[in-house]
Amino acid sequence: MLSGLGIDSVAEVVYRTMLSRPEGGVADWADSLGLPADAVRDALDRLSRLALVRRSTEDHTQVRPVNPLLGLEALLAQQQAALAAHQQRVEASRAVVAETMAQFAHQYAPGAGSGFQYVAGVDAIREQIEILTTQVREEFLTFAPGGPQTPENMVASRPLNLRLLEQGIRMRTVYLDSIRRDAPTVAHAEWLVAHGGMIRTAPSLPNRLILVDQRIALIATDSQNTGAGAVMVENAGTITLISALFESVWQSAQPLGASPERAPEELTSHQAEVLRLMARGLTDDAIAHQLGVSARTVRRTVSGLLTQLEARSRFQAGVEAVRRGHLDAAAE
């Protein structure tokens, strides 16, 4: 039990026996413990070096135990002092390590020199977004999947959006079509448009994305859990591809106030996207997450599609959709 103070098990039992029977001697303690007298003498030598036993002032042939309030406390104080000194050495080493890491981080960090940097966790992602907003000079492009936005996020983002728009930054954002059915999100989007932002909606979006000045992009690493992590991209070739993707989605997306006319037999953009995702084999829950709507809404849409396509099953609906030109047979 006292090994943490440098006292071995034999020395400990000898010390405890001496404390309980201080009037005894080596032979008495050895007999009490069932140990050889030499073993007790060796233990006494070790206890003496630890200042836990000392010669009696009345009889120099006798040894007596030091009061544990003095002896053990002294050993504990020594250990604490040693620990504090060790901690100081560790902190000094930590500072040197941190300095060395900072000096060579650009050479040895994961992905160093490739134009890719991993950002872990919601807090780090938010900090990175704040940094990007201070670096933007011309254009701030965003894919905002997830459907209707939370009131907290919309309120928190307004000062930042307003600052960028007042600086003349072009802001283009693509939301999901599902926000059109959420009055608070529509009001927020209209507020952005009123202050110079450009808003469009699309049936689905591939992932959460921020693209700054055709120079830096921040992309969620997991489209199902966008707060888990992100990748910051500065690789020129990859940025070109990301920019082309954004422009393609932007061109096919509908401006916020637009409500395109369609023939009665044509599908809505929502229906067409549900049909496309059905053809890919996604479940109702997966489709709902992709479109930012509830699974109940998806099931209602699927039921309407079966009726409109005069189909009794999803498979038959797919066949009929291809026949009517709603789906491309080769692609789906």
Protein backbone atom coordinates (compact mmCIF):
# COMPACT_ATOMS: atom_id res chain seq x y z
CA MET A 1 0.00 0.00 0.00
CA LEU A 2 2.94 2.34 0.58
CA SER A 3 4.86 1.27 -2.51
CA GLY A 4 4.06 4.61 -4.13
CA LEU A 5 6.33 6.20 -1.54
CA GLY A 6 9.19 3.81 -2.33
CA ILE A 7 8.50 1.41 0.54
CA ASP A 8 8.56 -2.27 -0.46
CA SER A 9 6.12 -4.77 1.04
CA VAL A 10 8.57 -6.31 3.54
CA ALA A 11 9.77 -2.92 4.79
CA GLU A 12 6.12 -1.84 5.11
CA VAL A 13 5.07 -4.78 7.30
CA VAL A 14 8.16 -4.32 9.45
CA TYR A 15 7.41 -0.62 9.88
CA ARG A 16 3.75 -1.29 10.72
CA THR A 17 4.81 -3.94 13.26
CA MET A 18 7.28 -1.52 14.84
CA LEU A 19 4.55 1.09 15.13
CA SER A 20 2.26 -1.35 16.88
CA ARG A 21 5.06 -2.85 19.07
CA PRO A 22 7.74 -0.14 19.42
CA GLU A 23 9.18 -1.73 22.55
CA GLY A 24 10.21 -4.88 20.71
CA GLY A 25 13.48 -5.75 18.99
CA VAL A 26 14.65 -7.41 15.82
CA ALA A 27 14.11 -10.94 17.13
CA ASP A 28 10.67 -10.07 18.46
CA TRP A 29 9.55 -8.43 15.20
CA ALA A 30 10.99 -11.27 13.11
CA ASP A 31 9.18 -13.84 15.22
CA SER A 32 5.93 -11.89 15.02
CA LEU A 33 6.13 -11.67 11.22
CA GLY A 34 7.52 -15.14 10.62
CA LEU A 35 10.54 -13.66 8.86
CA PRO A 36 14.26 -14.36 9.22
CA ALA A 37 16.06 -11.85 11.44
CA ASP A 38 18.36 -10.92 8.52
CA ALA A 39 15.30 -10.00 6.43
CA VAL A 40 14.08 -7.71 9.20
CA ARG A 41 17.56 -6.11 9.53
CA ASP A 42 17.65 -5.47 5.74
CA ALA A 43 14.19 -3.92 5.95
CA LEU A 44 15.37 -1.70 8.80
CA ASP A 45 18.30 -0.50 6.67
CA ARG A 46 15.89 0.47 3.91
CA LEU A 47 13.56 2.18 6.38
CA SER A 48 16.52 4.07 7.84
CA ARG A 49 17.47 5.43 4.40
CA LEU A 50 13.86 6.63 4.10
CA ALA A 51 14.11 8.27 7.55
CA LEU A 52 11.28 6.12 8.90
CA VAL A 53 13.35 4.58 11.74
CA ARG A 54 16.12 6.03 13.90
CA ARG A 55 18.38 5.06 16.78
CA SER A 56 16.96 5.58 20.24
CA THR A 57 18.62 8.46 22.07
CA GLU A 58 18.37 6.49 25.29
CA ASP A 59 19.79 3.22 23.94
CA HIS A 60 21.84 3.41 20.76
CA THR A 61 21.54 -0.33 20.29
CA GLN A 62 17.82 0.02 19.81
CA VAL A 63 15.91 1.41 16.81
CA ARG A 64 12.49 2.92 16.97
CA PRO A 65 9.96 3.92 14.32
CA VAL A 66 9.50 7.56 13.40
CA ASN A 67 6.00 8.90 13.95
CA PRO A 68 4.16 8.44 10.59
CA LEU A 69 2.83 11.99 10.85
CA LEU A 70 6.46 13.05 10.41
CA GLY A 71 8.05 10.25 8.41
CA LEU A 72 5.34 9.52 5.85
CA GLU A 73 4.44 13.18 5.41
CA ALA A 74 8.11 13.93 4.71
CA LEU A 75 8.22 11.19 2.06
CA LEU A 76 4.98 12.49 0.54
CA ALA A 77 6.36 16.03 0.43
CA GLN A 78 9.48 14.74 -1.34
CA GLN A 79 7.34 12.95 -3.91
CA GLN A 80 5.24 16.06 -4.49
CA ALA A 81 8.35 18.14 -4.98
CA ALA A 82 9.73 15.59 -7.43
CA LEU A 83 6.41 15.50 -9.26
CA ALA A 84 6.33 19.30 -9.53
CA ALA A 85 9.87 19.32 -10.91
CA HIS A 86 8.94 16.61 -13.39
CA GLN A 87 5.84 18.56 -14.46
CA GLN A 88 8.00 21.60 -15.08
CA ARG A 89 10.29 19.53 -17.29
CA VAL A 90 7.27 18.14 -19.16
CA GLU A 91 5.86 21.62 -19.76
CA ALA A 92 9.23 22.84 -20.98
CA SER A 93 9.44 19.87 -23.34
CA ARG A 94 5.87 20.51 -24.49
CA ALA A 95 6.77 24.07 -25.44
CA VAL A 96 9.75 22.86 -27.44
CA VAL A 97 7.62 20.22 -29.18
CA ALA A 98 4.92 22.78 -30.02
CA GLU A 99 7.52 25.15 -31.42
CA THR A 100 9.05 22.38 -33.53
CA MET A 101 5.63 21.23 -34.79
CA ALA A 102 4.68 24.78 -35.75
CA GLN A 103 7.99 25.25 -37.55
CA PHE A 104 7.58 22.18 -39.73
CA ALA A 105 3.77 21.78 -39.80
CA HIS A 106 3.55 22.89 -43.43
CA GLN A 107 5.85 20.04 -44.42
CA TYR A 108 4.55 17.16 -42.32
CA ALA A 109 0.83 17.84 -41.72
CA PRO A 110 -1.55 15.29 -43.28
CA GLY A 111 -2.18 16.38 -46.84
CA ALA A 112 0.54 19.02 -46.66
CA GLY A 113 1.21 20.56 -50.04
CA SER A 114 -1.81 18.85 -51.65
CA GLY A 115 -4.29 21.67 -51.11
CA PHE A 116 -6.49 19.69 -48.70
CA GLN A 117 -6.91 20.19 -44.97
CA TYR A 118 -9.23 18.29 -42.62
CA VAL A 119 -11.31 20.29 -40.11
CA ALA A 120 -12.80 18.24 -37.26
CA GLY A 121 -15.98 19.08 -35.32
CA VAL A 122 -18.68 21.73 -35.36
CA ASP A 123 -16.71 24.37 -33.41
CA ALA A 124 -13.67 24.11 -35.69
CA ILE A 125 -15.90 24.26 -38.78
CA ARG A 126 -17.63 27.41 -37.53
CA GLU A 127 -14.29 29.02 -36.80
CA GLN A 128 -13.10 28.15 -40.29
CA ILE A 129 -16.23 29.69 -41.81
CA GLU A 130 -15.58 32.88 -39.82
CA ILE A 131 -12.04 32.95 -41.18
CA LEU A 132 -13.28 32.47 -44.74
CA THR A 133 -15.71 35.38 -44.41
CA THR A 134 -12.83 37.65 -43.46
CA GLN A 135 -10.87 36.50 -46.52
CA VAL A 136 -13.60 36.76 -49.17
CA ARG A 137 -13.07 39.56 -51.70
CA GLU A 138 -15.60 39.00 -54.48
CA GLU A 139 -17.94 36.03 -54.21
CA PHE A 140 -19.39 33.72 -51.54
CA LEU A 141 -21.22 30.67 -52.92
CA THR A 142 -23.14 28.16 -50.82
CA PHE A 143 -25.04 24.89 -51.07
CA ALA A 144 -27.38 24.75 -48.06
CA PRO A 145 -28.96 21.29 -47.81
CA GLY A 146 -30.98 20.15 -44.83
CA GLY A 147 -34.27 21.81 -45.69
CA PRO A 148 -35.75 24.55 -43.47
CA GLN A 149 -33.16 26.37 -41.42
CA THR A 150 -33.35 26.66 -37.63
CA PRO A 151 -34.36 30.06 -36.22
CA GLU A 152 -31.11 30.20 -34.21
CA ASN A 153 -28.94 29.68 -37.29
CA MET A 154 -30.84 32.27 -39.31
CA VAL A 155 -30.63 34.90 -36.58
CA ALA A 156 -26.94 34.20 -35.97
CA SER A 157 -26.07 34.40 -39.68
CA ARG A 158 -27.75 37.74 -40.42
CA PRO A 159 -25.02 40.09 -39.12
CA LEU A 160 -22.37 38.17 -41.05
CA ASN A 161 -24.44 38.05 -44.25
CA LEU A 162 -25.28 41.74 -43.97
CA ARG A 163 -21.63 42.67 -43.52
CA LEU A 164 -20.61 40.76 -46.64
CA LEU A 165 -23.45 42.18 -48.74
CA GLU A 166 -22.68 45.74 -47.61
CA GLN A 167 -19.08 45.18 -48.72
CA GLY A 168 -20.35 44.39 -52.21
CA ILE A 169 -19.66 40.65 -51.97
CA ARG A 170 -21.77 38.61 -54.41
CA MET A 171 -23.64 35.99 -52.44
CA ARG A 172 -25.33 33.11 -54.22
CA THR A 173 -27.04 30.41 -52.18
CA VAL A 174 -28.87 27.29 -53.29
CA TYR A 175 -31.39 25.88 -50.81
CA LEU A 176 -33.59 22.83 -51.14
CA ASP A 177 -37.05 23.26 -52.69
CA SER A 178 -38.48 22.13 -49.37
CA ILE A 179 -37.76 25.52 -47.79
CA ARG A 180 -40.55 27.01 -49.90
CA ARG A 181 -43.03 25.38 -47.53
CA ASP A 182 -41.38 26.85 -44.42
CA ALA A 183 -42.45 30.46 -43.87
CA PRO A 184 -39.56 31.49 -41.52
CA THR A 185 -36.91 30.18 -43.93
CA VAL A 186 -38.63 31.83 -46.90
CA ALA A 187 -38.75 35.10 -44.95
CA HIS A 188 -35.03 34.80 -44.21
CA ALA A 189 -34.27 34.07 -47.88
CA GLU A 190 -36.38 37.05 -48.97
CA TRP A 191 -34.47 39.21 -46.47
CA LEU A 192 -31.21 38.09 -48.12
CA VAL A 193 -32.59 38.92 -51.58
CA ALA A 194 -33.76 42.34 -50.37
CA HIS A 195 -30.21 43.10 -49.27
CA GLY A 196 -28.61 41.98 -52.52
CA GLY A 197 -28.21 38.23 -52.11
CA MET A 198 -29.23 35.77 -54.82
CA ILE A 199 -31.26 32.75 -53.80
CA ARG A 200 -32.34 29.71 -55.77
CA THR A 201 -33.72 26.32 -54.81
CA ALA A 202 -33.14 22.83 -56.17
CA PRO A 203 -34.90 19.50 -55.52
CA SER A 204 -31.74 18.05 -53.94
CA LEU A 205 -28.15 19.03 -53.26
CA PRO A 206 -25.06 16.78 -53.24
CA ASN A 207 -23.52 18.12 -50.02
CA ARG A 208 -22.99 21.19 -47.86
CA LEU A 209 -20.53 23.49 -49.61
CA ILE A 210 -19.00 26.95 -49.31
CA LEU A 211 -16.91 28.29 -52.20
CA VAL A 212 -15.00 31.54 -51.76
CA ASP A 213 -13.67 33.55 -54.71
CA GLN A 214 -13.21 30.43 -56.86
CA ARG A 215 -10.21 29.90 -54.60
CA ILE A 216 -11.11 28.05 -51.39
CA ALA A 217 -13.90 25.55 -50.72
CA LEU A 218 -15.19 24.02 -47.51
CA ILE A 219 -17.02 20.71 -47.99
CA ALA A 220 -18.69 18.50 -45.38
CA THR A 221 -17.02 15.10 -45.10
CA ASP A 222 -20.32 13.37 -44.30
CA SER A 223 -23.48 14.56 -46.04
CA GLN A 224 -25.56 12.72 -43.41
CA ASN A 225 -23.80 14.48 -40.51
CA THR A 226 -22.37 17.76 -41.77
CA GLY A 227 -21.12 18.78 -38.32
CA ALA A 228 -18.77 15.81 -38.02
CA GLY A 229 -16.01 17.32 -40.10
CA ALA A 230 -15.12 19.15 -43.28
CA VAL A 231 -12.35 19.39 -45.83
CA MET A 232 -10.90 22.74 -46.82
CA VAL A 233 -9.85 22.59 -50.45
CA GLU A 234 -7.33 24.90 -52.11
CA ASN A 235 -6.22 22.53 -54.85
CA ALA A 236 -6.71 24.42 -58.12
CA GLY A 237 -7.89 21.44 -60.16
CA THR A 238 -10.42 20.39 -57.55
CA ILE A 239 -11.66 23.97 -57.15
CA THR A 240 -12.34 24.08 -60.91
CA LEU A 241 -14.50 20.95 -60.63
CA ILE A 242 -16.35 22.30 -57.57
CA SER A 243 -17.00 25.59 -59.34
CA ALA A 244 -18.37 23.79 -62.39
CA LEU A 245 -20.66 21.71 -60.15
CA PHE A 246 -22.00 24.82 -58.44
CA GLU A 247 -22.68 26.58 -61.74
CA SER A 248 -24.46 23.50 -63.12
CA VAL A 249 -26.73 23.26 -60.08
CA TRP A 250 -27.27 27.03 -60.07
CA GLN A 251 -28.36 27.08 -63.70
CA SER A 252 -30.90 24.31 -63.17
CA ALA A 253 -32.18 25.71 -59.86
CA GLN A 254 -35.22 27.98 -59.67
CA PRO A 255 -35.09 31.57 -58.38
CA LEU A 256 -36.85 31.96 -55.06
CA GLY A 257 -39.93 33.74 -56.40
CA ALA A 258 -40.26 31.66 -59.57
CA SER A 259 -43.02 29.10 -60.05
CA PRO A 260 -42.43 27.55 -63.47
CA GLU A 261 -45.45 26.56 -65.50
CA ARG A 262 -45.88 22.93 -66.45
CA ALA A 263 -48.29 20.79 -68.39
CA PRO A 264 -50.75 18.73 -66.30
CA GLU A 265 -49.02 15.47 -67.21
CA GLU A 266 -45.59 16.78 -66.26
CA LEU A 267 -44.03 16.03 -62.90
CA THR A 268 -43.10 18.74 -60.41
CA SER A 269 -39.41 19.10 -59.69
CA HIS A 270 -40.05 17.48 -56.29
CA GLN A 271 -41.83 14.52 -57.86
CA ALA A 272 -39.11 14.13 -60.49
CA GLU A 273 -36.38 14.12 -57.86
CA VAL A 274 -38.23 11.60 -55.68
CA LEU A 275 -38.64 9.39 -58.77
CA ARG A 276 -34.95 9.69 -59.62
CA LEU A 277 -33.90 8.79 -56.07
CA MET A 278 -36.36 5.88 -56.02
CA ALA A 279 -34.73 4.59 -59.20
CA ARG A 280 -31.36 4.72 -57.42
CA GLY A 281 -32.77 2.40 -54.76
CA LEU A 282 -32.87 4.89 -51.86
CA THR A 283 -35.27 4.22 -48.99
CA ASP A 284 -37.99 6.70 -48.06
CA ASP A 285 -35.94 7.87 -45.06
CA ALA A 286 -32.83 8.40 -47.21
CA ILE A 287 -34.86 10.31 -49.80
CA ALA A 288 -36.39 12.46 -47.06
CA HIS A 289 -32.94 13.36 -45.73
CA GLN A 290 -31.68 14.18 -49.23
CA LEU A 291 -34.64 16.48 -49.94
CA GLY A 292 -34.91 18.01 -46.48
CA VAL A 293 -38.48 16.83 -45.94
CA SER A 294 -40.18 14.29 -43.68
CA ALA A 295 -40.45 10.61 -44.54
CA ARG A 296 -44.23 11.09 -44.41
CA THR A 297 -43.98 13.69 -47.18
CA VAL A 298 -41.93 11.27 -49.27
CA ARG A 299 -44.45 8.48 -48.78
CA ARG A 300 -47.24 10.84 -49.80
CA THR A 301 -45.29 11.84 -52.91
CA VAL A 302 -44.60 8.22 -53.82
CA SER A 303 -48.29 7.39 -53.45
CA GLY A 304 -49.17 10.32 -55.74
CA LEU A 305 -46.59 9.17 -58.29
CA LEU A 306 -48.04 5.65 -58.37
CA THR A 307 -51.47 7.13 -59.00
CA GLN A 308 -50.26 9.60 -61.64
CA LEU A 309 -48.23 6.91 -63.44
CA GLU A 310 -51.06 4.38 -63.09
CA ALA A 311 -48.69 1.93 -61.44
CA ARG A 312 -49.28 -0.66 -58.72
CA SER A 313 -45.67 -0.95 -57.52
CA ARG A 314 -42.46 1.07 -57.46
CA PHE A 315 -40.97 -1.18 -60.11
CA GLN A 316 -43.94 -0.64 -62.41
CA ALA A 317 -43.74 3.09 -61.69
CA GLY A 318 -40.11 3.08 -62.83
CA VAL A 319 -40.97 1.26 -66.05
CA GLU A 320 -43.84 3.65 -66.75
CA ALA A 321 -41.67 6.68 -65.94
CA VAL A 322 -39.09 5.55 -68.51
CA ARG A 323 -41.84 4.95 -71.07
CA ARG A 324 -43.24 8.45 -70.56
CA GLY A 325 -39.81 10.06 -70.67
CA HIS A 326 -39.63 11.05 -66.99
CA LEU A 327 -36.56 8.85 -66.47
CA ASP A 328 -33.65 8.05 -68.74
CA ALA A 329 -33.43 4.28 -69.11
CA ALA A 330 -29.66 4.25 -69.60
CA ALA A 331 -28.90 6.56 -66.69
CA GLU A 332 -31.31 5.09 -64.13
